[in-house]
């Protein structure tokens, strides 16, 4: 899901990492293969639901240039852990507000890309009808975290990648 800059966490009433650092929460997720399979399953279901809606994607990669669009890609701990099972090919792009998995117009993390990437279509009005799909599957991701007692954090992707690369968190 895209959001305005600076909104990197859910309100305090939502589940969170319980004081655990982002790096520790992501590492815990990465060690739980059954949990990651659950995240993958939810993302595949979202992909199927979106396909039935038939939104238009021009595959130009403009939506991955957050610095130009002022959009921010929000991810959960589980989505981030799944995405980071492969290191970003261009990690320094995160520092300038661009997706580090984008190379040219191609996504190098297509099968592991977060829910927001699957439901956001920057050059069409399809986001109006994909937002319900996002909300439904994001709720499923939150439940998966809760059911498996896995820390849940909702953070902006480029900030999280820079934070993890620096080995720090707030």
Protein backbone atom coordinates (compact mmCIF):
# COMPACT_ATOMS: atom_id res chain seq x y z
CA UNK A 1 0.00 0.00 0.00
CA UNK A 2 1.21 3.44 -0.73
CA UNK A 3 0.98 6.17 1.86
CA UNK A 4 2.23 9.65 2.52
CA UNK A 5 5.81 10.16 3.66
CA UNK A 6 6.44 9.86 7.37
CA UNK A 7 3.64 7.44 8.15
CA UNK A 8 5.80 4.45 8.83
CA UNK A 9 3.92 2.67 11.59
CA UNK A 10 0.38 1.77 12.44
CA UNK A 11 -1.25 3.55 15.37
CA UNK A 12 -0.10 2.26 18.74
CA UNK A 13 -3.37 0.32 19.15
CA UNK A 14 -2.15 -2.08 16.44
CA UNK A 15 0.13 -5.05 17.14
CA UNK A 16 3.82 -4.27 16.84
CA UNK A 17 7.21 -5.79 17.50
CA UNK A 18 6.79 -5.36 21.27
CA UNK A 19 10.03 -3.44 21.67
CA UNK A 20 12.01 -5.83 19.45
CA UNK A 21 14.25 -4.13 16.87
CA UNK A 22 13.16 -4.26 13.25
CA UNK A 23 16.24 -6.33 12.41
CA UNK A 24 15.43 -8.89 15.13
CA UNK A 25 11.77 -9.06 14.10
CA UNK A 26 12.68 -9.62 10.43
CA UNK A 27 15.28 -12.24 11.36
CA UNK A 28 12.73 -14.09 13.49
CA UNK A 29 10.32 -14.12 10.54
CA UNK A 30 13.03 -15.36 8.18
CA UNK A 31 13.78 -18.33 10.47
CA UNK A 32 10.12 -19.46 10.41
CA UNK A 33 9.72 -21.22 7.05
CA UNK A 34 6.10 -22.17 7.75
CA UNK A 35 5.31 -18.53 8.51
CA UNK A 36 6.99 -17.39 5.26
CA UNK A 37 4.95 -20.00 3.35
CA UNK A 38 1.84 -18.46 4.93
CA UNK A 39 2.91 -14.98 3.81
CA UNK A 40 3.56 -16.32 0.29
CA UNK A 41 0.14 -17.98 0.25
CA UNK A 42 -1.65 -14.75 1.23
CA UNK A 43 0.27 -12.81 -1.42
CA UNK A 44 -0.59 -15.44 -4.06
CA UNK A 45 -4.27 -15.18 -3.10
CA UNK A 46 -4.08 -11.39 -3.47
CA UNK A 47 -2.43 -11.80 -6.87
CA UNK A 48 -5.26 -14.08 -7.97
CA UNK A 49 -7.91 -11.65 -6.72
CA UNK A 50 -6.23 -8.74 -8.50
CA UNK A 51 -5.95 -10.71 -11.74
CA UNK A 52 -9.74 -11.19 -11.73
CA UNK A 53 -10.14 -7.40 -11.50
CA UNK A 54 -7.96 -7.03 -14.63
CA UNK A 55 -6.26 -3.71 -13.78
CA UNK A 56 -3.88 -2.20 -16.31
CA UNK A 57 -0.15 -2.17 -15.63
CA UNK A 58 2.08 -0.65 -18.28
CA UNK A 59 5.16 -2.29 -16.68
CA UNK A 60 7.21 0.87 -16.97
CA UNK A 61 8.46 0.86 -13.40
CA UNK A 62 7.42 4.45 -12.66
CA UNK A 63 5.63 3.33 -9.49
CA UNK A 64 8.96 2.08 -8.06
CA UNK A 65 10.44 5.59 -8.14
CA UNK A 66 8.94 6.77 -4.87
CA UNK A 67 11.05 9.94 -4.87
CA UNK A 68 9.33 11.10 -8.05
CA UNK A 69 5.77 10.10 -7.13
CA UNK A 70 5.77 10.98 -3.41
CA UNK A 71 4.27 7.53 -2.79
CA UNK A 72 5.64 5.27 -0.08
CA UNK A 73 5.44 1.49 -0.13
CA UNK A 74 4.44 0.17 3.27
CA UNK A 75 5.34 -3.40 4.22
CA UNK A 76 4.74 -5.68 7.18
CA UNK A 77 7.48 -7.57 8.97
CA UNK A 78 6.54 -10.79 7.18
CA UNK A 79 6.51 -9.18 3.74
CA UNK A 80 9.89 -7.61 4.41
CA UNK A 81 11.34 -10.93 5.61
CA UNK A 82 10.05 -12.71 2.49
CA UNK A 83 11.36 -9.96 0.21
CA UNK A 84 14.77 -10.05 1.89
CA UNK A 85 15.23 -13.77 1.29
CA UNK A 86 17.07 -12.31 -1.72
CA UNK A 87 19.29 -9.29 -1.20
CA UNK A 88 18.32 -6.23 -3.24
CA UNK A 89 20.46 -6.00 -6.38
CA UNK A 90 20.73 -2.20 -6.00
CA UNK A 91 20.54 -1.47 -2.23
CA UNK A 92 21.80 2.12 -2.53
CA UNK A 93 18.65 3.05 -4.47
CA UNK A 94 16.70 2.87 -1.18
CA UNK A 95 18.59 5.93 0.06
CA UNK A 96 17.21 8.02 -2.79
CA UNK A 97 13.66 6.76 -2.32
CA UNK A 98 13.59 4.13 -5.04
CA UNK A 99 12.91 0.43 -4.91
CA UNK A 100 16.24 -1.40 -4.69
CA UNK A 101 14.74 -4.40 -6.51
CA UNK A 102 14.02 -2.40 -9.67
CA UNK A 103 16.53 -2.82 -12.48
CA UNK A 104 15.46 -0.81 -15.51
CA UNK A 105 11.72 -1.36 -15.77
CA UNK A 106 11.97 -4.88 -14.32
CA UNK A 107 11.25 -6.10 -10.80
CA UNK A 108 13.90 -8.53 -9.56
CA UNK A 109 11.62 -9.64 -6.71
CA UNK A 110 8.47 -10.28 -8.73
CA UNK A 111 7.47 -13.51 -6.93
CA UNK A 112 8.25 -12.07 -3.46
CA UNK A 113 7.03 -8.52 -3.97
CA UNK A 114 4.89 -7.03 -1.20
CA UNK A 115 1.13 -6.70 -1.22
CA UNK A 116 1.29 -2.98 -2.03
CA UNK A 117 3.20 -3.73 -5.24
CA UNK A 118 0.55 -6.26 -6.24
CA UNK A 119 -2.38 -3.91 -5.67
CA UNK A 120 -1.07 -0.50 -6.75
CA UNK A 121 -1.34 0.60 -10.37
CA UNK A 122 0.13 4.07 -10.78
CA UNK A 123 -1.13 4.80 -14.26
CA UNK A 124 -4.71 3.72 -13.97
CA UNK A 125 -7.74 4.31 -11.82
CA UNK A 126 -7.66 0.67 -10.75
CA UNK A 127 -6.43 1.59 -7.26
CA UNK A 128 -10.01 2.56 -6.49
CA UNK A 129 -11.10 -1.07 -6.78
CA UNK A 130 -7.87 -2.72 -5.61
CA UNK A 131 -7.83 -1.00 -2.21
CA UNK A 132 -10.47 -3.41 -0.84
CA UNK A 133 -8.28 -6.30 -1.97
CA UNK A 134 -5.29 -4.71 -0.22
CA UNK A 135 -7.19 -4.22 3.02
CA UNK A 136 -8.57 -7.77 3.05
CA UNK A 137 -5.19 -9.41 2.46
CA UNK A 138 -3.34 -7.02 4.75
CA UNK A 139 -5.74 -8.04 7.52
CA UNK A 140 -4.90 -11.68 6.74
CA UNK A 141 -1.19 -10.86 7.07
CA UNK A 142 -1.82 -9.19 10.44
CA UNK A 143 -3.77 -12.25 11.61
CA UNK A 144 -0.97 -14.56 10.47
CA UNK A 145 1.52 -12.55 12.55
CA UNK A 146 -0.81 -12.69 15.54
CA UNK A 147 -1.66 -16.40 15.18
CA UNK A 148 2.02 -17.36 14.97
CA UNK A 149 3.13 -14.88 17.66
CA UNK A 150 5.44 -13.22 15.15
CA UNK A 151 6.21 -9.52 15.75
CA UNK A 152 4.27 -7.20 13.45
CA UNK A 153 5.74 -3.92 12.25
CA UNK A 154 4.36 -1.78 9.41
CA UNK A 155 7.16 0.27 7.90
CA UNK A 156 8.06 2.12 4.72
CA UNK A 157 10.15 -0.15 2.47
CA UNK A 158 13.10 2.09 1.64
CA UNK A 159 13.44 3.25 5.25
CA UNK A 160 13.39 -0.36 6.43
CA UNK A 161 16.03 -1.46 3.94
CA UNK A 162 18.32 1.42 4.93
CA UNK A 163 17.71 0.71 8.61
CA UNK A 164 18.51 -2.98 8.20
CA UNK A 165 21.60 -2.21 6.11
CA UNK A 166 22.83 0.13 8.85
CA UNK A 167 22.13 -2.49 11.50
CA UNK A 168 20.01 -0.08 13.56
CA UNK A 169 16.37 0.53 14.32
CA UNK A 170 14.35 2.99 16.33
